[in-house]
Amino acid sequence: ACANRGRHHDAVQAYSEAISLAPEMTPYVHERAKSLQLIGRCQEAIVDFTRVLKMHNKNAHAYFRRAFAYKALGLFEQSAQDFETAKAIAPDNPLLVVNYFQLHSTHVIELCKAGQEVY
């Protein structure tokens, strides 16, 4: 609920508590990663997105969002690799196609609201 209201600092805390109780619950880790990213804690977000991908290696949304976190840190090769991986996993999803020339000013693209990820 916090994340969907834009209260991402509170959401990080809530997701962290949930993860401590159920560390195998991918949705909690994924949603915390998204909130971390939105408050500028991109290195931590990358750790969480990577954890999601270790549990679900075909999660195109996690690759896509991790690509933006890499981009924010200036890690453009890793970013491009994740964008391309996301597109390869879900080639029919037009939201995963990015224009690299227009991407420089885009912080992140939200693919779905918190709690609506599919695993």
Foldseek 3Di string as FASTA:
>chain_A
DCVLVVNLVVLLVVLVVVCVVPVLPLLSLQSNLVSCLVVPVLVSSLVSLVVSCVNPVLQLVSLQQNLLSCVSVVNNVSSVVSLVSSCVSPVPDPVSDDDVVPCNPPNHDDPDGRPPGDD
